[in-house]
Amino acid sequence: MGVVIIDGSTVRDFVGNDALFNKSVDDRFSALDLNGDGVLSRSELRKAFETFRLLEAHFGVDVVTPPEQLTQLYDSIFDKFDCDHSDTVDLEEFRSEMKKIMLAIADGLGSCPIQMALEDDDQNFLKKAADLEASKTSS
């Protein structure tokens, strides 16, 4: 685990670096595409979001969320990603939604730097944003 200091501009710079951002998103997409068919199914995307434990923990304390509420949440997230309503998410849809999510995070952070503890995970987009920022200051 590492500690980074980021603000909205750190995240915006990462999203604005098309080569790095697209490679990061493409790598994540490939990792999520468990059957290798080039699209994400509901179950593949749900498995990914389940690993985030969005609703299962509250300040480190596990909480029980009814399964039907979780299904409704994951279905609504999937529907947001599935822009063409094909019941699958292709790479372009995934890129587009991830860009929107990252820009929303940037907007939320604004210009006030915050300190974040991040897992040493090469797939973490916020870590990649911080690494890009660090590479600018070291060169």
N, C-alpha and C. Protein backbone atom coordinates (compact mmCIF):
# COMPACT_ATOMS: atom_id res chain seq x y z
N MET A 1 0.86 -1.17 0.00
CA MET A 1 0.00 0.00 0.00
C MET A 1 0.90 1.23 0.00
N GLY A 2 0.48 2.22 -0.76
CA GLY A 2 1.23 3.46 -0.82
C GLY A 2 0.31 4.64 -0.59
N VAL A 3 0.91 5.75 -0.21
CA VAL A 3 0.17 6.98 0.02
C VAL A 3 0.54 7.96 -1.08
N VAL A 4 -0.47 8.54 -1.70
CA VAL A 4 -0.26 9.52 -2.76
C VAL A 4 -1.05 10.79 -2.44
N ILE A 5 -0.61 11.87 -3.00
CA ILE A 5 -1.34 13.13 -2.89
C ILE A 5 -1.81 13.48 -4.30
N ILE A 6 -3.10 13.62 -4.44
CA ILE A 6 -3.67 13.94 -5.75
C ILE A 6 -4.71 15.04 -5.62
N ASP A 7 -5.00 15.67 -6.73
CA ASP A 7 -6.13 16.59 -6.82
C ASP A 7 -6.78 16.38 -8.18
N GLY A 8 -7.77 17.19 -8.49
CA GLY A 8 -8.48 17.02 -9.76
C GLY A 8 -7.60 17.12 -10.98
N SER A 9 -6.59 17.99 -10.92
CA SER A 9 -5.72 18.15 -12.09
C SER A 9 -4.89 16.89 -12.34
N THR A 10 -4.53 16.18 -11.28
CA THR A 10 -3.78 14.93 -11.42
C THR A 10 -4.60 13.92 -12.23
N VAL A 11 -5.87 13.82 -11.87
CA VAL A 11 -6.76 12.87 -12.55
C VAL A 11 -7.05 13.34 -13.98
N ARG A 12 -7.27 14.64 -14.16
CA ARG A 12 -7.53 15.17 -15.50
C ARG A 12 -6.34 14.96 -16.43
N ASP A 13 -5.14 15.16 -15.92
CA ASP A 13 -3.95 14.95 -16.75
C ASP A 13 -3.85 13.49 -17.19
N PHE A 14 -4.18 12.58 -16.29
CA PHE A 14 -4.17 11.15 -16.64
C PHE A 14 -5.18 10.86 -17.73
N VAL A 15 -6.40 11.35 -17.56
CA VAL A 15 -7.46 11.12 -18.57
C VAL A 15 -7.08 11.79 -19.89
N GLY A 16 -6.43 12.95 -19.81
CA GLY A 16 -6.04 13.68 -21.01
C GLY A 16 -4.87 13.07 -21.77
N ASN A 17 -4.15 12.17 -21.13
CA ASN A 17 -3.05 11.47 -21.80
C ASN A 17 -3.66 10.26 -22.50
N ASP A 18 -4.12 10.46 -23.73
CA ASP A 18 -4.88 9.42 -24.43
C ASP A 18 -4.17 8.08 -24.48
N ALA A 19 -2.89 8.08 -24.77
CA ALA A 19 -2.16 6.81 -24.90
C ALA A 19 -2.15 6.05 -23.58
N LEU A 20 -1.81 6.73 -22.49
CA LEU A 20 -1.73 6.06 -21.19
C LEU A 20 -3.11 5.67 -20.68
N PHE A 21 -4.07 6.61 -20.79
CA PHE A 21 -5.42 6.31 -20.30
C PHE A 21 -6.04 5.15 -21.07
N ASN A 22 -5.98 5.20 -22.41
CA ASN A 22 -6.58 4.13 -23.21
C ASN A 22 -5.91 2.79 -22.95
N LYS A 23 -4.59 2.78 -22.80
CA LYS A 23 -3.90 1.53 -22.50
C LYS A 23 -4.35 0.98 -21.15
N SER A 24 -4.48 1.86 -20.17
CA SER A 24 -4.92 1.44 -18.83
C SER A 24 -6.34 0.86 -18.88
N VAL A 25 -7.23 1.57 -19.57
CA VAL A 25 -8.61 1.11 -19.67
C VAL A 25 -8.67 -0.19 -20.50
N ASP A 26 -7.92 -0.25 -21.58
CA ASP A 26 -7.92 -1.46 -22.41
C ASP A 26 -7.41 -2.67 -21.62
N ASP A 27 -6.36 -2.46 -20.81
CA ASP A 27 -5.84 -3.55 -19.99
C ASP A 27 -6.87 -4.02 -18.97
N ARG A 28 -7.56 -3.06 -18.36
CA ARG A 28 -8.60 -3.43 -17.38
C ARG A 28 -9.73 -4.18 -18.07
N PHE A 29 -10.13 -3.70 -19.25
CA PHE A 29 -11.19 -4.36 -20.02
C PHE A 29 -10.80 -5.81 -20.31
N SER A 30 -9.58 -6.01 -20.78
CA SER A 30 -9.12 -7.36 -21.10
C SER A 30 -9.13 -8.25 -19.88
N ALA A 31 -8.75 -7.70 -18.73
CA ALA A 31 -8.75 -8.49 -17.50
C ALA A 31 -10.17 -8.87 -17.08
N LEU A 32 -11.12 -8.00 -17.35
CA LEU A 32 -12.51 -8.26 -16.98
C LEU A 32 -13.22 -9.20 -17.95
N ASP A 33 -12.76 -9.23 -19.19
CA ASP A 33 -13.36 -10.06 -20.24
C ASP A 33 -12.90 -11.51 -20.04
N LEU A 34 -13.52 -12.17 -19.08
CA LEU A 34 -13.06 -13.49 -18.65
C LEU A 34 -13.09 -14.54 -19.74
N ASN A 35 -14.08 -14.47 -20.64
CA ASN A 35 -14.17 -15.49 -21.69
C ASN A 35 -13.49 -15.06 -22.99
N GLY A 36 -12.93 -13.85 -23.02
CA GLY A 36 -12.16 -13.40 -24.16
C GLY A 36 -12.96 -13.16 -25.43
N ASP A 37 -14.26 -12.87 -25.30
CA ASP A 37 -15.07 -12.66 -26.50
C ASP A 37 -15.10 -11.21 -26.98
N GLY A 38 -14.36 -10.32 -26.31
CA GLY A 38 -14.26 -8.94 -26.76
C GLY A 38 -15.35 -8.02 -26.25
N VAL A 39 -16.26 -8.53 -25.44
CA VAL A 39 -17.30 -7.72 -24.81
C VAL A 39 -17.46 -8.19 -23.36
N LEU A 40 -18.04 -7.30 -22.54
CA LEU A 40 -18.31 -7.65 -21.15
C LEU A 40 -19.79 -7.98 -20.99
N SER A 41 -20.04 -9.10 -20.39
CA SER A 41 -21.42 -9.49 -20.07
C SER A 41 -21.81 -8.89 -18.73
N ARG A 42 -23.08 -9.00 -18.38
CA ARG A 42 -23.54 -8.54 -17.07
C ARG A 42 -22.76 -9.22 -15.96
N SER A 43 -22.57 -10.53 -16.08
CA SER A 43 -21.90 -11.26 -15.00
C SER A 43 -20.42 -10.87 -14.90
N GLU A 44 -19.76 -10.62 -16.02
CA GLU A 44 -18.36 -10.21 -15.97
C GLU A 44 -18.21 -8.84 -15.31
N LEU A 45 -19.09 -7.90 -15.67
CA LEU A 45 -19.01 -6.58 -15.07
C LEU A 45 -19.41 -6.62 -13.60
N ARG A 46 -20.40 -7.44 -13.29
CA ARG A 46 -20.83 -7.56 -11.89
C ARG A 46 -19.69 -8.11 -11.03
N LYS A 47 -19.00 -9.14 -11.52
CA LYS A 47 -17.88 -9.70 -10.76
C LYS A 47 -16.84 -8.63 -10.47
N ALA A 48 -16.59 -7.76 -11.44
CA ALA A 48 -15.63 -6.68 -11.24
C ALA A 48 -16.11 -5.72 -10.15
N PHE A 49 -17.36 -5.32 -10.21
CA PHE A 49 -17.87 -4.38 -9.22
C PHE A 49 -18.02 -5.01 -7.84
N GLU A 50 -18.27 -6.30 -7.79
CA GLU A 50 -18.34 -6.96 -6.49
C GLU A 50 -17.01 -6.89 -5.76
N THR A 51 -15.90 -6.91 -6.51
CA THR A 51 -14.60 -6.84 -5.86
C THR A 51 -14.36 -5.47 -5.22
N PHE A 52 -15.08 -4.44 -5.66
CA PHE A 52 -14.93 -3.11 -5.07
C PHE A 52 -15.63 -3.01 -3.71
N ARG A 53 -16.58 -3.92 -3.45
CA ARG A 53 -17.33 -3.94 -2.19
C ARG A 53 -17.95 -2.56 -1.91
N LEU A 54 -18.62 -2.01 -2.90
CA LEU A 54 -19.18 -0.67 -2.78
C LEU A 54 -20.20 -0.54 -1.66
N LEU A 55 -21.03 -1.53 -1.48
CA LEU A 55 -22.07 -1.43 -0.47
C LEU A 55 -21.87 -2.37 0.71
N GLU A 56 -20.90 -3.25 0.63
CA GLU A 56 -20.76 -4.25 1.68
C GLU A 56 -19.99 -3.77 2.90
N ALA A 57 -19.38 -2.60 2.83
CA ALA A 57 -18.62 -2.10 3.97
C ALA A 57 -18.94 -0.62 4.19
N HIS A 58 -19.01 -0.26 5.44
CA HIS A 58 -19.28 1.12 5.82
C HIS A 58 -18.24 1.50 6.87
N PHE A 59 -17.26 2.30 6.47
CA PHE A 59 -16.17 2.69 7.35
C PHE A 59 -15.49 1.47 7.97
N GLY A 60 -15.26 0.46 7.13
CA GLY A 60 -14.54 -0.72 7.59
C GLY A 60 -15.40 -1.77 8.27
N VAL A 61 -16.67 -1.48 8.48
CA VAL A 61 -17.57 -2.43 9.13
C VAL A 61 -18.47 -3.04 8.07
N ASP A 62 -18.47 -4.37 8.00
CA ASP A 62 -19.32 -5.02 7.01
C ASP A 62 -20.79 -4.80 7.33
N VAL A 63 -21.57 -4.53 6.31
CA VAL A 63 -23.01 -4.39 6.44
C VAL A 63 -23.67 -5.37 5.47
N VAL A 64 -24.86 -5.77 5.79
CA VAL A 64 -25.58 -6.71 4.93
C VAL A 64 -26.53 -5.93 4.03
N THR A 65 -26.36 -6.11 2.74
CA THR A 65 -27.24 -5.48 1.76
C THR A 65 -28.07 -6.60 1.13
N PRO A 66 -29.38 -6.44 1.10
CA PRO A 66 -30.21 -7.49 0.52
C PRO A 66 -29.78 -7.80 -0.92
N PRO A 67 -29.74 -9.09 -1.29
CA PRO A 67 -29.30 -9.47 -2.63
C PRO A 67 -30.06 -8.77 -3.75
N GLU A 68 -31.36 -8.57 -3.56
CA GLU A 68 -32.14 -7.92 -4.62
C GLU A 68 -31.72 -6.45 -4.79
N GLN A 69 -31.30 -5.81 -3.71
CA GLN A 69 -30.81 -4.43 -3.81
C GLN A 69 -29.47 -4.39 -4.54
N LEU A 70 -28.61 -5.36 -4.26
CA LEU A 70 -27.33 -5.44 -4.97
C LEU A 70 -27.54 -5.69 -6.45
N THR A 71 -28.45 -6.62 -6.77
CA THR A 71 -28.74 -6.92 -8.18
C THR A 71 -29.24 -5.68 -8.89
N GLN A 72 -30.13 -4.95 -8.24
CA GLN A 72 -30.66 -3.72 -8.84
C GLN A 72 -29.55 -2.70 -9.08
N LEU A 73 -28.65 -2.55 -8.12
CA LEU A 73 -27.54 -1.62 -8.26
C LEU A 73 -26.64 -2.04 -9.42
N TYR A 74 -26.23 -3.30 -9.44
CA TYR A 74 -25.32 -3.77 -10.49
C TYR A 74 -25.97 -3.71 -11.86
N ASP A 75 -27.26 -3.99 -11.94
CA ASP A 75 -27.96 -3.88 -13.22
C ASP A 75 -28.00 -2.43 -13.71
N SER A 76 -28.21 -1.49 -12.79
CA SER A 76 -28.27 -0.09 -13.21
C SER A 76 -26.88 0.40 -13.65
N ILE A 77 -25.82 -0.09 -13.00
CA ILE A 77 -24.47 0.26 -13.44
C ILE A 77 -24.21 -0.32 -14.82
N PHE A 78 -24.59 -1.57 -15.01
CA PHE A 78 -24.38 -2.20 -16.32
C PHE A 78 -25.13 -1.42 -17.40
N ASP A 79 -26.38 -1.05 -17.13
CA ASP A 79 -27.18 -0.32 -18.11
C ASP A 79 -26.54 1.02 -18.46
N LYS A 80 -25.86 1.64 -17.50
CA LYS A 80 -25.18 2.91 -17.77
C LYS A 80 -24.00 2.69 -18.72
N PHE A 81 -23.29 1.58 -18.55
CA PHE A 81 -22.17 1.25 -19.44
C PHE A 81 -22.65 0.81 -20.82
N ASP A 82 -23.78 0.12 -20.88
CA ASP A 82 -24.29 -0.46 -22.14
C ASP A 82 -25.08 0.59 -22.92
N CYS A 83 -24.35 1.52 -23.53
CA CYS A 83 -24.97 2.67 -24.20
C CYS A 83 -25.86 2.29 -25.37
N ASP A 84 -25.50 1.23 -26.10
CA ASP A 84 -26.28 0.84 -27.27
C ASP A 84 -27.34 -0.21 -26.95
N HIS A 85 -27.51 -0.56 -25.69
CA HIS A 85 -28.52 -1.51 -25.22
C HIS A 85 -28.42 -2.87 -25.90
N SER A 86 -27.18 -3.30 -26.15
CA SER A 86 -26.95 -4.60 -26.80
C SER A 86 -26.85 -5.74 -25.79
N ASP A 87 -26.95 -5.42 -24.51
CA ASP A 87 -26.81 -6.36 -23.40
C ASP A 87 -25.37 -6.87 -23.26
N THR A 88 -24.44 -6.14 -23.86
CA THR A 88 -23.01 -6.35 -23.65
C THR A 88 -22.34 -4.97 -23.64
N VAL A 89 -21.15 -4.90 -23.07
CA VAL A 89 -20.39 -3.66 -23.06
C VAL A 89 -19.13 -3.89 -23.88
N ASP A 90 -19.00 -3.12 -24.97
CA ASP A 90 -17.80 -3.26 -25.79
C ASP A 90 -16.72 -2.30 -25.29
N LEU A 91 -15.55 -2.38 -25.87
CA LEU A 91 -14.42 -1.59 -25.40
C LEU A 91 -14.69 -0.09 -25.48
N GLU A 92 -15.31 0.37 -26.55
CA GLU A 92 -15.57 1.82 -26.68
C GLU A 92 -16.54 2.30 -25.61
N GLU A 93 -17.57 1.52 -25.33
CA GLU A 93 -18.52 1.88 -24.27
C GLU A 93 -17.81 1.92 -22.92
N PHE A 94 -16.96 0.94 -22.68
CA PHE A 94 -16.22 0.88 -21.42
C PHE A 94 -15.29 2.08 -21.28
N ARG A 95 -14.56 2.40 -22.35
CA ARG A 95 -13.67 3.57 -22.33
C ARG A 95 -14.45 4.84 -22.02
N SER A 96 -15.56 5.01 -22.72
CA SER A 96 -16.36 6.22 -22.57
C SER A 96 -16.85 6.39 -21.13
N GLU A 97 -17.38 5.32 -20.56
CA GLU A 97 -17.90 5.42 -19.19
C GLU A 97 -16.79 5.59 -18.16
N MET A 98 -15.66 4.92 -18.37
CA MET A 98 -14.54 5.08 -17.44
C MET A 98 -14.01 6.51 -17.49
N LYS A 99 -14.02 7.10 -18.67
CA LYS A 99 -13.59 8.49 -18.79
C LYS A 99 -14.53 9.40 -18.01
N LYS A 100 -15.84 9.17 -18.15
CA LYS A 100 -16.82 9.97 -17.42
C LYS A 100 -16.64 9.81 -15.91
N ILE A 101 -16.40 8.58 -15.47
CA ILE A 101 -16.22 8.32 -14.04
C ILE A 101 -14.97 9.04 -13.53
N MET A 102 -13.88 8.93 -14.27
CA MET A 102 -12.64 9.56 -13.83
C MET A 102 -12.75 11.09 -13.83
N LEU A 103 -13.44 11.65 -14.81
CA LEU A 103 -13.62 13.10 -14.84
C LEU A 103 -14.55 13.56 -13.71
N ALA A 104 -15.52 12.73 -13.35
CA ALA A 104 -16.38 13.05 -12.21
C ALA A 104 -15.57 13.03 -10.91
N ILE A 105 -14.65 12.08 -10.80
CA ILE A 105 -13.75 12.05 -9.63
C ILE A 105 -12.90 13.32 -9.61
N ALA A 106 -12.38 13.71 -10.77
CA ALA A 106 -11.57 14.94 -10.86
C ALA A 106 -12.39 16.15 -10.42
N ASP A 107 -13.62 16.23 -10.88
CA ASP A 107 -14.50 17.34 -10.48
C ASP A 107 -14.73 17.34 -8.98
N GLY A 108 -14.94 16.15 -8.42
CA GLY A 108 -15.16 16.04 -6.98
C GLY A 108 -13.95 16.44 -6.17
N LEU A 109 -12.76 16.12 -6.67
CA LEU A 109 -11.54 16.48 -5.96
C LEU A 109 -11.25 17.97 -6.06
N GLY A 110 -11.58 18.55 -7.20
CA GLY A 110 -11.31 19.97 -7.40
C GLY A 110 -9.82 20.27 -7.31
N SER A 111 -9.48 21.45 -6.80
CA SER A 111 -8.08 21.86 -6.75
C SER A 111 -7.45 21.65 -5.37
N CYS A 112 -8.20 21.08 -4.46
CA CYS A 112 -7.66 20.84 -3.12
C CYS A 112 -7.00 19.47 -3.08
N PRO A 113 -5.70 19.43 -2.83
CA PRO A 113 -5.02 18.13 -2.78
C PRO A 113 -5.49 17.30 -1.59
N ILE A 114 -5.60 16.01 -1.84
CA ILE A 114 -5.94 15.09 -0.76
C ILE A 114 -4.91 13.97 -0.72
N GLN A 115 -4.78 13.38 0.42
CA GLN A 115 -3.87 12.26 0.59
C GLN A 115 -4.71 10.99 0.58
N MET A 116 -4.27 10.01 -0.23
CA MET A 116 -5.02 8.76 -0.34
C MET A 116 -4.08 7.59 -0.16
N ALA A 117 -4.56 6.59 0.56
CA ALA A 117 -3.82 5.32 0.66
C ALA A 117 -4.36 4.41 -0.44
N LEU A 118 -3.47 3.96 -1.32
CA LEU A 118 -3.88 3.12 -2.44
C LEU A 118 -3.12 1.81 -2.41
N GLU A 119 -3.81 0.75 -2.78
CA GLU A 119 -3.16 -0.54 -2.91
C GLU A 119 -2.09 -0.45 -3.99
N ASP A 120 -1.02 -1.21 -3.81
CA ASP A 120 0.02 -1.28 -4.84
C ASP A 120 -0.47 -2.21 -5.94
N ASP A 121 -1.41 -1.71 -6.71
CA ASP A 121 -2.07 -2.48 -7.75
C ASP A 121 -1.87 -1.75 -9.07
N ASP A 122 -1.25 -2.42 -10.01
CA ASP A 122 -0.98 -1.78 -11.29
C ASP A 122 -2.25 -1.45 -12.08
N GLN A 123 -3.41 -1.96 -11.65
CA GLN A 123 -4.66 -1.70 -12.35
C GLN A 123 -5.41 -0.48 -11.81
N ASN A 124 -4.94 0.11 -10.70
CA ASN A 124 -5.63 1.21 -10.05
C ASN A 124 -5.44 2.50 -10.85
N PHE A 125 -6.53 3.05 -11.36
CA PHE A 125 -6.45 4.24 -12.19
C PHE A 125 -5.95 5.46 -11.41
N LEU A 126 -6.34 5.60 -10.15
CA LEU A 126 -5.86 6.74 -9.38
C LEU A 126 -4.36 6.63 -9.11
N LYS A 127 -3.88 5.42 -8.92
CA LYS A 127 -2.44 5.23 -8.74
C LYS A 127 -1.71 5.58 -10.04
N LYS A 128 -2.27 5.18 -11.16
CA LYS A 128 -1.66 5.51 -12.44
C LYS A 128 -1.62 7.02 -12.65
N ALA A 129 -2.68 7.71 -12.23
CA ALA A 129 -2.71 9.17 -12.34
C ALA A 129 -1.61 9.78 -11.47
N ALA A 130 -1.46 9.27 -10.24
CA ALA A 130 -0.42 9.79 -9.35
C ALA A 130 0.97 9.48 -9.90
N ASP A 131 1.15 8.29 -10.47
CA ASP A 131 2.44 7.92 -11.06
C ASP A 131 2.79 8.84 -12.23
N LEU A 132 1.78 9.19 -13.04
CA LEU A 132 2.02 10.11 -14.17
C LEU A 132 2.46 11.47 -13.63
N GLU A 133 1.78 11.94 -12.60
CA GLU A 133 2.14 13.23 -11.97
C GLU A 133 3.57 13.18 -11.43
N ALA A 134 3.91 12.08 -10.77
CA ALA A 134 5.26 11.93 -10.19
C ALA A 134 6.33 11.90 -11.28
N SER A 135 5.99 11.27 -12.42
CA SER A 135 6.97 11.19 -13.50
C SER A 135 7.26 12.58 -14.09
N LYS A 136 6.31 13.49 -14.01
CA LYS A 136 6.52 14.85 -14.52
C LYS A 136 7.48 15.62 -13.63
N THR A 137 7.36 15.40 -12.33
CA THR A 137 8.21 16.15 -11.41
C THR A 137 9.63 15.58 -11.33
N SER A 138 9.78 14.31 -11.67
CA SER A 138 11.11 13.70 -11.58
C SER A 138 11.93 13.90 -12.86
N SER A 139 11.26 14.36 -13.93
CA SER A 139 12.02 14.56 -15.17
C SER A 139 12.38 16.00 -15.42
